[in-house]
Amino acid sequence: MKTLIINGSPRKNWTIFKILESIKKSIDNSGVITEIFNLYDYSIYDVMA
């Protein structure tokens, strides 16, 4: 099974991201493949162009 965690926070590597990393570690320990997707890494203008 695979799980995608989406981080919509405007601040990268702050509190929400650290909480999501903790959740990711817990899920990974159960044998599930998990990835965190940061919306911060993408610009909405790139998509609209």
N, C-alpha and C. Protein backbone atom coordinates (compact mmCIF):
# COMPACT_ATOMS: atom_id res chain seq x y z
N MET A 1 0.84 -1.17 0.00
CA MET A 1 0.00 0.00 0.00
C MET A 1 0.89 1.25 0.00
N LYS A 2 0.43 2.28 -0.64
CA LYS A 2 1.15 3.55 -0.69
C LYS A 2 0.27 4.66 -0.12
N THR A 3 0.91 5.60 0.55
CA THR A 3 0.19 6.72 1.14
C THR A 3 0.88 8.02 0.73
N LEU A 4 0.07 9.01 0.37
CA LEU A 4 0.57 10.34 0.02
C LEU A 4 0.08 11.32 1.07
N ILE A 5 1.02 12.04 1.66
CA ILE A 5 0.69 13.08 2.63
C ILE A 5 0.93 14.42 1.95
N ILE A 6 -0.08 15.27 1.92
CA ILE A 6 0.02 16.56 1.25
C ILE A 6 0.17 17.66 2.29
N ASN A 7 1.24 18.41 2.18
CA ASN A 7 1.51 19.53 3.08
C ASN A 7 1.16 20.82 2.35
N GLY A 8 0.12 21.50 2.79
CA GLY A 8 -0.31 22.74 2.17
C GLY A 8 0.15 23.98 2.90
N SER A 9 1.04 23.81 3.87
CA SER A 9 1.53 24.94 4.65
C SER A 9 2.39 25.86 3.78
N PRO A 10 2.27 27.18 3.96
CA PRO A 10 3.09 28.11 3.19
C PRO A 10 4.54 28.19 3.71
N ARG A 11 4.83 27.54 4.82
CA ARG A 11 6.18 27.58 5.40
C ARG A 11 6.79 26.19 5.38
N LYS A 12 7.88 26.06 4.65
CA LYS A 12 8.52 24.76 4.52
C LYS A 12 9.36 24.46 5.76
N ASN A 13 9.30 23.23 6.21
CA ASN A 13 10.08 22.73 7.36
C ASN A 13 9.72 23.39 8.69
N TRP A 14 8.49 23.82 8.85
CA TRP A 14 8.06 24.38 10.12
C TRP A 14 7.22 23.35 10.87
N THR A 15 6.40 23.78 11.78
CA THR A 15 5.68 22.91 12.70
C THR A 15 4.82 21.86 11.99
N ILE A 16 4.02 22.26 11.03
CA ILE A 16 3.13 21.31 10.35
C ILE A 16 3.95 20.24 9.64
N PHE A 17 5.03 20.65 8.99
CA PHE A 17 5.87 19.68 8.30
C PHE A 17 6.48 18.69 9.29
N LYS A 18 6.91 19.17 10.45
CA LYS A 18 7.48 18.28 11.46
C LYS A 18 6.45 17.30 11.98
N ILE A 19 5.21 17.75 12.14
CA ILE A 19 4.13 16.85 12.56
C ILE A 19 3.88 15.80 11.48
N LEU A 20 3.85 16.23 10.22
CA LEU A 20 3.64 15.28 9.12
C LEU A 20 4.79 14.29 9.01
N GLU A 21 6.01 14.72 9.27
CA GLU A 21 7.15 13.80 9.27
C GLU A 21 7.00 12.75 10.35
N SER A 22 6.51 13.15 11.52
CA SER A 22 6.28 12.21 12.61
C SER A 22 5.22 11.18 12.22
N ILE A 23 4.16 11.65 11.59
CA ILE A 23 3.10 10.74 11.12
C ILE A 23 3.67 9.80 10.06
N LYS A 24 4.50 10.33 9.16
CA LYS A 24 5.11 9.51 8.12
C LYS A 24 5.96 8.39 8.72
N LYS A 25 6.75 8.71 9.74
CA LYS A 25 7.58 7.69 10.39
C LYS A 25 6.73 6.60 11.01
N SER A 26 5.62 6.98 11.62
CA SER A 26 4.72 5.99 12.22
C SER A 26 4.11 5.08 11.16
N ILE A 27 3.72 5.67 10.05
CA ILE A 27 3.12 4.88 8.97
C ILE A 27 4.18 3.98 8.33
N ASP A 28 5.39 4.51 8.12
CA ASP A 28 6.48 3.71 7.53
C ASP A 28 6.81 2.50 8.40
N ASN A 29 6.74 2.66 9.71
CA ASN A 29 7.04 1.56 10.61
C ASN A 29 6.04 0.41 10.48
N SER A 30 4.86 0.70 9.96
CA SER A 30 3.86 -0.36 9.77
C SER A 30 4.01 -1.04 8.41
N GLY A 31 5.02 -0.61 7.63
CA GLY A 31 5.29 -1.27 6.35
C GLY A 31 4.64 -0.63 5.14
N VAL A 32 4.06 0.52 5.31
CA VAL A 32 3.40 1.23 4.21
C VAL A 32 4.39 2.23 3.60
N ILE A 33 4.43 2.32 2.27
CA ILE A 33 5.27 3.28 1.58
C ILE A 33 4.58 4.63 1.64
N THR A 34 5.30 5.64 2.13
CA THR A 34 4.71 6.95 2.35
C THR A 34 5.59 8.03 1.75
N GLU A 35 4.95 9.06 1.18
CA GLU A 35 5.68 10.20 0.63
C GLU A 35 4.97 11.48 1.05
N ILE A 36 5.76 12.51 1.38
CA ILE A 36 5.21 13.82 1.70
C ILE A 36 5.35 14.71 0.47
N PHE A 37 4.24 15.30 0.06
CA PHE A 37 4.19 16.18 -1.11
C PHE A 37 4.00 17.59 -0.58
N ASN A 38 4.98 18.46 -0.81
CA ASN A 38 4.93 19.84 -0.33
C ASN A 38 4.43 20.77 -1.43
N LEU A 39 3.28 21.38 -1.23
CA LEU A 39 2.76 22.34 -2.20
C LEU A 39 3.65 23.58 -2.26
N TYR A 40 4.41 23.81 -1.20
CA TYR A 40 5.31 24.95 -1.14
C TYR A 40 6.33 24.92 -2.29
N ASP A 41 6.68 23.73 -2.74
CA ASP A 41 7.69 23.56 -3.78
C ASP A 41 7.20 23.95 -5.17
N TYR A 42 5.92 24.23 -5.32
CA TYR A 42 5.35 24.50 -6.63
C TYR A 42 4.75 25.89 -6.69
N SER A 43 4.83 26.50 -7.84
CA SER A 43 4.26 27.82 -8.05
C SER A 43 2.97 27.68 -8.85
N ILE A 44 1.92 28.34 -8.43
CA ILE A 44 0.66 28.27 -9.14
C ILE A 44 0.79 28.89 -10.54
N TYR A 45 1.74 29.81 -10.69
CA TYR A 45 1.94 30.44 -11.98
C TYR A 45 2.54 29.48 -13.00
N ASP A 46 3.30 28.50 -12.54
CA ASP A 46 3.83 27.48 -13.44
C ASP A 46 2.73 26.63 -14.05
N VAL A 47 1.69 26.38 -13.27
CA VAL A 47 0.58 25.55 -13.71
C VAL A 47 -0.31 26.32 -14.67
N MET A 48 -0.50 27.61 -14.45
CA MET A 48 -1.41 28.41 -15.26
C MET A 48 -0.80 28.83 -16.60
N ALA A 49 0.50 28.76 -16.73
CA ALA A 49 1.16 29.23 -17.96
C ALA A 49 0.97 28.28 -19.12
